[in-house]
Amino acid sequence: MPSQADIVRDSINEFSRIQDWMILAKKNDDLETYEQIHKRYIELKVTLSTLGVNITELDRIKE
């Protein structure tokens, strides 16, 4: 079973990748892809917040 630290680390890495993909999709006017990725972005924000991670510095989307 993964430790909380492993879950936090993996979630932060995925959150960063998701933001990169969202920025790219928006840049390419691919709104359908953006919306699909956005769902996972929200899930990760909730997960990280629940785990006590302050995502203010990590969040580059700024909705």
PDB file of N, CA and C in Angstrom:
ATOM      1  N   MET A   1       0.841  -1.172   0.000  1.00  0.00           N
ATOM      2  CA  MET A   1       0.000   0.000   0.000  1.00  0.00           C
ATOM      3  C   MET A   1       0.892   1.244   0.000  1.00  0.00           C
ATOM      4  N   PRO A   2       0.579   2.207  -0.895  1.00  0.00           N
ATOM      5  CA  PRO A   2       1.413   3.415  -0.946  1.00  0.00           C
ATOM      6  C   PRO A   2       1.212   4.282   0.298  1.00  0.00           C
ATOM      7  N   SER A   3       2.270   4.928   0.684  1.00  0.00           N
ATOM      8  CA  SER A   3       2.187   5.835   1.832  1.00  0.00           C
ATOM      9  C   SER A   3       1.524   7.146   1.395  1.00  0.00           C
ATOM     10  N   GLN A   4       1.126   7.950   2.373  1.00  0.00           N
ATOM     11  CA  GLN A   4       0.526   9.246   2.054  1.00  0.00           C
ATOM     12  C   GLN A   4       1.521  10.113   1.289  1.00  0.00           C
ATOM     13  N   ALA A   5       2.784  10.025   1.649  1.00  0.00           N
ATOM     14  CA  ALA A   5       3.809  10.810   0.948  1.00  0.00           C
ATOM     15  C   ALA A   5       3.895  10.411  -0.522  1.00  0.00           C
ATOM     16  N   ASP A   6       3.787   9.099  -0.798  1.00  0.00           N
ATOM     17  CA  ASP A   6       3.803   8.629  -2.188  1.00  0.00           C
ATOM     18  C   ASP A   6       2.592   9.149  -2.955  1.00  0.00           C
ATOM     19  N   ILE A   7       1.437   9.111  -2.318  1.00  0.00           N
ATOM     20  CA  ILE A   7       0.207   9.590  -2.956  1.00  0.00           C
ATOM     21  C   ILE A   7       0.311  11.085  -3.239  1.00  0.00           C
ATOM     22  N   VAL A   8       0.822  11.849  -2.288  1.00  0.00           N
ATOM     23  CA  VAL A   8       0.991  13.292  -2.475  1.00  0.00           C
ATOM     24  C   VAL A   8       1.952  13.555  -3.627  1.00  0.00           C
ATOM     25  N   ARG A   9       3.090  12.900  -3.611  1.00  0.00           N
ATOM     26  CA  ARG A   9       4.094  13.088  -4.669  1.00  0.00           C
ATOM     27  C   ARG A   9       3.510  12.771  -6.045  1.00  0.00           C
ATOM     28  N   ASP A  10       2.850  11.623  -6.167  1.00  0.00           N
ATOM     29  CA  ASP A  10       2.275  11.217  -7.453  1.00  0.00           C
ATOM     30  C   ASP A  10       1.172  12.172  -7.900  1.00  0.00           C
ATOM     31  N   SER A  11       0.365  12.634  -6.969  1.00  0.00           N
ATOM     32  CA  SER A  11      -0.714  13.567  -7.300  1.00  0.00           C
ATOM     33  C   SER A  11      -0.167  14.918  -7.744  1.00  0.00           C
ATOM     34  N   ILE A  12       0.881  15.382  -7.096  1.00  0.00           N
ATOM     35  CA  ILE A  12       1.503  16.644  -7.494  1.00  0.00           C
ATOM     36  C   ILE A  12       2.092  16.516  -8.899  1.00  0.00           C
ATOM     37  N   ASN A  13       2.759  15.416  -9.182  1.00  0.00           N
ATOM     38  CA  ASN A  13       3.314  15.201 -10.520  1.00  0.00           C
ATOM     39  C   ASN A  13       2.218  15.168 -11.574  1.00  0.00           C
ATOM     40  N   GLU A  14       1.130  14.462 -11.289  1.00  0.00           N
ATOM     41  CA  GLU A  14       0.030  14.392 -12.240  1.00  0.00           C
ATOM     42  C   GLU A  14      -0.634  15.763 -12.402  1.00  0.00           C
ATOM     43  N   PHE A  15      -0.783  16.497 -11.311  1.00  0.00           N
ATOM     44  CA  PHE A  15      -1.373  17.836 -11.360  1.00  0.00           C
ATOM     45  C   PHE A  15      -0.557  18.747 -12.280  1.00  0.00           C
ATOM     46  N   SER A  16       0.742  18.648 -12.193  1.00  0.00           N
ATOM     47  CA  SER A  16       1.612  19.445 -13.052  1.00  0.00           C
ATOM     48  C   SER A  16       1.438  19.058 -14.523  1.00  0.00           C
ATOM     49  N   ARG A  17       1.426  17.764 -14.800  1.00  0.00           N
ATOM     50  CA  ARG A  17       1.236  17.300 -16.191  1.00  0.00           C
ATOM     51  C   ARG A  17      -0.119  17.727 -16.737  1.00  0.00           C
ATOM     52  N   ILE A  18      -1.157  17.591 -15.927  1.00  0.00           N
ATOM     53  CA  ILE A  18      -2.506  17.970 -16.347  1.00  0.00           C
ATOM     54  C   ILE A  18      -2.546  19.455 -16.719  1.00  0.00           C
ATOM     55  N   GLN A  19      -1.906  20.287 -15.926  1.00  0.00           N
ATOM     56  CA  GLN A  19      -1.876  21.719 -16.226  1.00  0.00           C
ATOM     57  C   GLN A  19      -1.151  21.995 -17.534  1.00  0.00           C
ATOM     58  N   ASP A  20      -0.058  21.293 -17.785  1.00  0.00           N
ATOM     59  CA  ASP A  20       0.655  21.448 -19.063  1.00  0.00           C
ATOM     60  C   ASP A  20      -0.272  21.124 -20.226  1.00  0.00           C
ATOM     61  N   TRP A  21      -1.012  20.028 -20.107  1.00  0.00           N
ATOM     62  CA  TRP A  21      -1.931  19.607 -21.175  1.00  0.00           C
ATOM     63  C   TRP A  21      -3.073  20.605 -21.341  1.00  0.00           C
ATOM     64  N   MET A  22      -3.581  21.142 -20.227  1.00  0.00           N
ATOM     65  CA  MET A  22      -4.657  22.130 -20.310  1.00  0.00           C
ATOM     66  C   MET A  22      -4.178  23.386 -21.027  1.00  0.00           C
ATOM     67  N   ILE A  23      -2.985  23.843 -20.694  1.00  0.00           N
ATOM     68  CA  ILE A  23      -2.425  25.037 -21.331  1.00  0.00           C
ATOM     69  C   ILE A  23      -2.244  24.801 -22.822  1.00  0.00           C
ATOM     70  N   LEU A  24      -1.749  23.635 -23.188  1.00  0.00           N
ATOM     71  CA  LEU A  24      -1.555  23.300 -24.594  1.00  0.00           C
ATOM     72  C   LEU A  24      -2.888  23.212 -25.330  1.00  0.00           C
ATOM     73  N   ALA A  25      -3.871  22.552 -24.733  1.00  0.00           N
ATOM     74  CA  ALA A  25      -5.186  22.427 -25.369  1.00  0.00           C
ATOM     75  C   ALA A  25      -5.823  23.795 -25.578  1.00  0.00           C
ATOM     76  N   LYS A  26      -5.703  24.669 -24.590  1.00  0.00           N
ATOM     77  CA  LYS A  26      -6.275  26.012 -24.709  1.00  0.00           C
ATOM     78  C   LYS A  26      -5.554  26.803 -25.796  1.00  0.00           C
ATOM     79  N   LYS A  27      -4.247  26.672 -25.845  1.00  0.00           N
ATOM     80  CA  LYS A  27      -3.444  27.364 -26.857  1.00  0.00           C
ATOM     81  C   LYS A  27      -3.844  26.935 -28.265  1.00  0.00           C
ATOM     82  N   ASN A  28      -4.188  25.644 -28.421  1.00  0.00           N
ATOM     83  CA  ASN A  28      -4.572  25.095 -29.727  1.00  0.00           C
ATOM     84  C   ASN A  28      -6.080  25.168 -29.971  1.00  0.00           C
ATOM     85  N   ASP A  29      -6.799  25.896 -29.126  1.00  0.00           N
ATOM     86  CA  ASP A  29      -8.253  26.041 -29.237  1.00  0.00           C
ATOM     87  C   ASP A  29      -8.980  24.705 -29.291  1.00  0.00           C
ATOM     88  N   ASP A  30      -8.471  23.729 -28.558  1.00  0.00           N
ATOM     89  CA  ASP A  30      -9.096  22.413 -28.478  1.00  0.00           C
ATOM     90  C   ASP A  30      -9.927  22.355 -27.204  1.00  0.00           C
ATOM     91  N   LEU A  31     -11.099  22.971 -27.257  1.00  0.00           N
ATOM     92  CA  LEU A  31     -11.922  23.125 -26.064  1.00  0.00           C
ATOM     93  C   LEU A  31     -12.490  21.800 -25.576  1.00  0.00           C
ATOM     94  N   GLU A  32     -12.758  20.881 -26.485  1.00  0.00           N
ATOM     95  CA  GLU A  32     -13.279  19.571 -26.066  1.00  0.00           C
ATOM     96  C   GLU A  32     -12.249  18.835 -25.213  1.00  0.00           C
ATOM     97  N   THR A  33     -11.012  18.821 -25.660  1.00  0.00           N
ATOM     98  CA  THR A  33      -9.942  18.188 -24.887  1.00  0.00           C
ATOM     99  C   THR A  33      -9.732  18.931 -23.574  1.00  0.00           C
ATOM    100  N   TYR A  34      -9.750  20.243 -23.629  1.00  0.00           N
ATOM    101  CA  TYR A  34      -9.571  21.054 -22.424  1.00  0.00           C
ATOM    102  C   TYR A  34     -10.614  20.687 -21.370  1.00  0.00           C
ATOM    103  N   GLU A  35     -11.860  20.581 -21.771  1.00  0.00           N
ATOM    104  CA  GLU A  35     -12.931  20.265 -20.829  1.00  0.00           C
ATOM    105  C   GLU A  35     -12.757  18.877 -20.218  1.00  0.00           C
ATOM    106  N   GLN A  36     -12.312  17.913 -21.006  1.00  0.00           N
ATOM    107  CA  GLN A  36     -12.083  16.571 -20.488  1.00  0.00           C
ATOM    108  C   GLN A  36     -10.939  16.564 -19.476  1.00  0.00           C
ATOM    109  N   ILE A  37      -9.867  17.262 -19.792  1.00  0.00           N
ATOM    110  CA  ILE A  37      -8.726  17.337 -18.881  1.00  0.00           C
ATOM    111  C   ILE A  37      -9.101  18.125 -17.626  1.00  0.00           C
ATOM    112  N   HIS A  38      -9.939  19.127 -17.801  1.00  0.00           N
ATOM    113  CA  HIS A  38     -10.354  19.973 -16.679  1.00  0.00           C
ATOM    114  C   HIS A  38     -11.034  19.150 -15.584  1.00  0.00           C
ATOM    115  N   LYS A  39     -11.774  18.134 -15.971  1.00  0.00           N
ATOM    116  CA  LYS A  39     -12.421  17.270 -14.981  1.00  0.00           C
ATOM    117  C   LYS A  39     -11.381  16.628 -14.057  1.00  0.00           C
ATOM    118  N   ARG A  40     -10.301  16.106 -14.639  1.00  0.00           N
ATOM    119  CA  ARG A  40      -9.245  15.485 -13.837  1.00  0.00           C
ATOM    120  C   ARG A  40      -8.514  16.533 -13.001  1.00  0.00           C
ATOM    121  N   TYR A  41      -8.337  17.720 -13.554  1.00  0.00           N
ATOM    122  CA  TYR A  41      -7.715  18.832 -12.839  1.00  0.00           C
ATOM    123  C   TYR A  41      -8.477  19.125 -11.539  1.00  0.00           C
ATOM    124  N   ILE A  42      -9.798  19.188 -11.622  1.00  0.00           N
ATOM    125  CA  ILE A  42     -10.627  19.455 -10.442  1.00  0.00           C
ATOM    126  C   ILE A  42     -10.492  18.311  -9.434  1.00  0.00           C
ATOM    127  N   GLU A  43     -10.525  17.077  -9.920  1.00  0.00           N
ATOM    128  CA  GLU A  43     -10.366  15.923  -9.027  1.00  0.00           C
ATOM    129  C   GLU A  43      -9.043  15.993  -8.274  1.00  0.00           C
ATOM    130  N   LEU A  44      -7.980  16.328  -8.979  1.00  0.00           N
ATOM    131  CA  LEU A  44      -6.666  16.410  -8.342  1.00  0.00           C
ATOM    132  C   LEU A  44      -6.588  17.569  -7.343  1.00  0.00           C
ATOM    133  N   LYS A  45      -7.227  18.688  -7.655  1.00  0.00           N
ATOM    134  CA  LYS A  45      -7.252  19.802  -6.708  1.00  0.00           C
ATOM    135  C   LYS A  45      -7.929  19.378  -5.409  1.00  0.00           C
ATOM    136  N   VAL A  46      -9.031  18.665  -5.528  1.00  0.00           N
ATOM    137  CA  VAL A  46      -9.746  18.199  -4.344  1.00  0.00           C
ATOM    138  C   VAL A  46      -8.884  17.206  -3.565  1.00  0.00           C
ATOM    139  N   THR A  47      -8.271  16.268  -4.284  1.00  0.00           N
ATOM    140  CA  THR A  47      -7.418  15.265  -3.638  1.00  0.00           C
ATOM    141  C   THR A  47      -6.273  15.923  -2.890  1.00  0.00           C
ATOM    142  N   LEU A  48      -5.572  16.832  -3.546  1.00  0.00           N
ATOM    143  CA  LEU A  48      -4.430  17.492  -2.915  1.00  0.00           C
ATOM    144  C   LEU A  48      -4.862  18.346  -1.728  1.00  0.00           C
ATOM    145  N   SER A  49      -5.980  19.040  -1.859  1.00  0.00           N
ATOM    146  CA  SER A  49      -6.482  19.843  -0.750  1.00  0.00           C
ATOM    147  C   SER A  49      -6.844  18.969   0.437  1.00  0.00           C
ATOM    148  N   THR A  50      -7.469  17.825   0.160  1.00  0.00           N
ATOM    149  CA  THR A  50      -7.847  16.888   1.219  1.00  0.00           C
ATOM    150  C   THR A  50      -6.612  16.345   1.933  1.00  0.00           C
ATOM    151  N   LEU A  51      -5.532  16.173   1.186  1.00  0.00           N
ATOM    152  CA  LEU A  51      -4.291  15.675   1.764  1.00  0.00           C
ATOM    153  C   LEU A  51      -3.494  16.772   2.465  1.00  0.00           C
ATOM    154  N   GLY A  52      -4.030  17.993   2.474  1.00  0.00           N
ATOM    155  CA  GLY A  52      -3.377  19.083   3.187  1.00  0.00           C
ATOM    156  C   GLY A  52      -2.333  19.837   2.385  1.00  0.00           C
ATOM    157  N   VAL A  53      -2.302  19.629   1.072  1.00  0.00           N
ATOM    158  CA  VAL A  53      -1.322  20.312   0.230  1.00  0.00           C
ATOM    159  C   VAL A  53      -1.864  21.689  -0.142  1.00  0.00           C
ATOM    160  N   ASN A  54      -1.076  22.726   0.095  1.00  0.00           N
ATOM    161  CA  ASN A  54      -1.442  24.075  -0.333  1.00  0.00           C
ATOM    162  C   ASN A  54      -1.065  24.194  -1.807  1.00  0.00           C
ATOM    163  N   ILE A  55      -2.065  24.197  -2.676  1.00  0.00           N
ATOM    164  CA  ILE A  55      -1.784  24.178  -4.114  1.00  0.00           C
ATOM    165  C   ILE A  55      -1.659  25.567  -4.729  1.00  0.00           C
ATOM    166  N   THR A  56      -1.695  26.592  -3.901  1.00  0.00           N
ATOM    167  CA  THR A  56      -1.626  27.963  -4.403  1.00  0.00           C
ATOM    168  C   THR A  56      -0.406  28.163  -5.303  1.00  0.00           C
ATOM    169  N   GLU A  57       0.738  27.695  -4.872  1.00  0.00           N
ATOM    170  CA  GLU A  57       1.966  27.865  -5.658  1.00  0.00           C
ATOM    171  C   GLU A  57       2.022  26.912  -6.855  1.00  0.00           C
ATOM    172  N   LEU A  58       1.346  25.786  -6.766  1.00  0.00           N
ATOM    173  CA  LEU A  58       1.385  24.779  -7.823  1.00  0.00           C
ATOM    174  C   LEU A  58       0.420  25.080  -8.967  1.00  0.00           C
ATOM    175  N   ASP A  59      -0.654  25.801  -8.668  1.00  0.00           N
ATOM    176  CA  ASP A  59      -1.726  25.997  -9.628  1.00  0.00           C
ATOM    177  C   ASP A  59      -1.382  27.113 -10.615  1.00  0.00           C
ATOM    178  N   ARG A  60      -1.179  26.726 -11.868  1.00  0.00           N
ATOM    179  CA  ARG A  60      -0.844  27.695 -12.908  1.00  0.00           C
ATOM    180  C   ARG A  60      -2.057  28.091 -13.744  1.00  0.00           C
ATOM    181  N   ILE A  61      -3.201  27.450 -13.518  1.00  0.00           N
ATOM    182  CA  ILE A  61      -4.390  27.720 -14.322  1.00  0.00           C
ATOM    183  C   ILE A  61      -5.110  28.962 -13.830  1.00  0.00           C
ATOM    184  N   LYS A  62      -5.213  29.156 -12.538  1.00  0.00           N
ATOM    185  CA  LYS A  62      -5.785  30.354 -11.919  1.00  0.00           C
ATOM    186  C   LYS A  62      -7.196  30.657 -12.447  1.00  0.00           C
ATOM    187  N   GLU A  63      -8.124  29.760 -12.164  1.00  0.00           N
ATOM    188  CA  GLU A  63      -9.509  29.966 -12.612  1.00  0.00           C
ATOM    189  C   GLU A  63     -10.234  30.907 -11.699  1.00  0.00           C
TER     190      GLU A  63
END
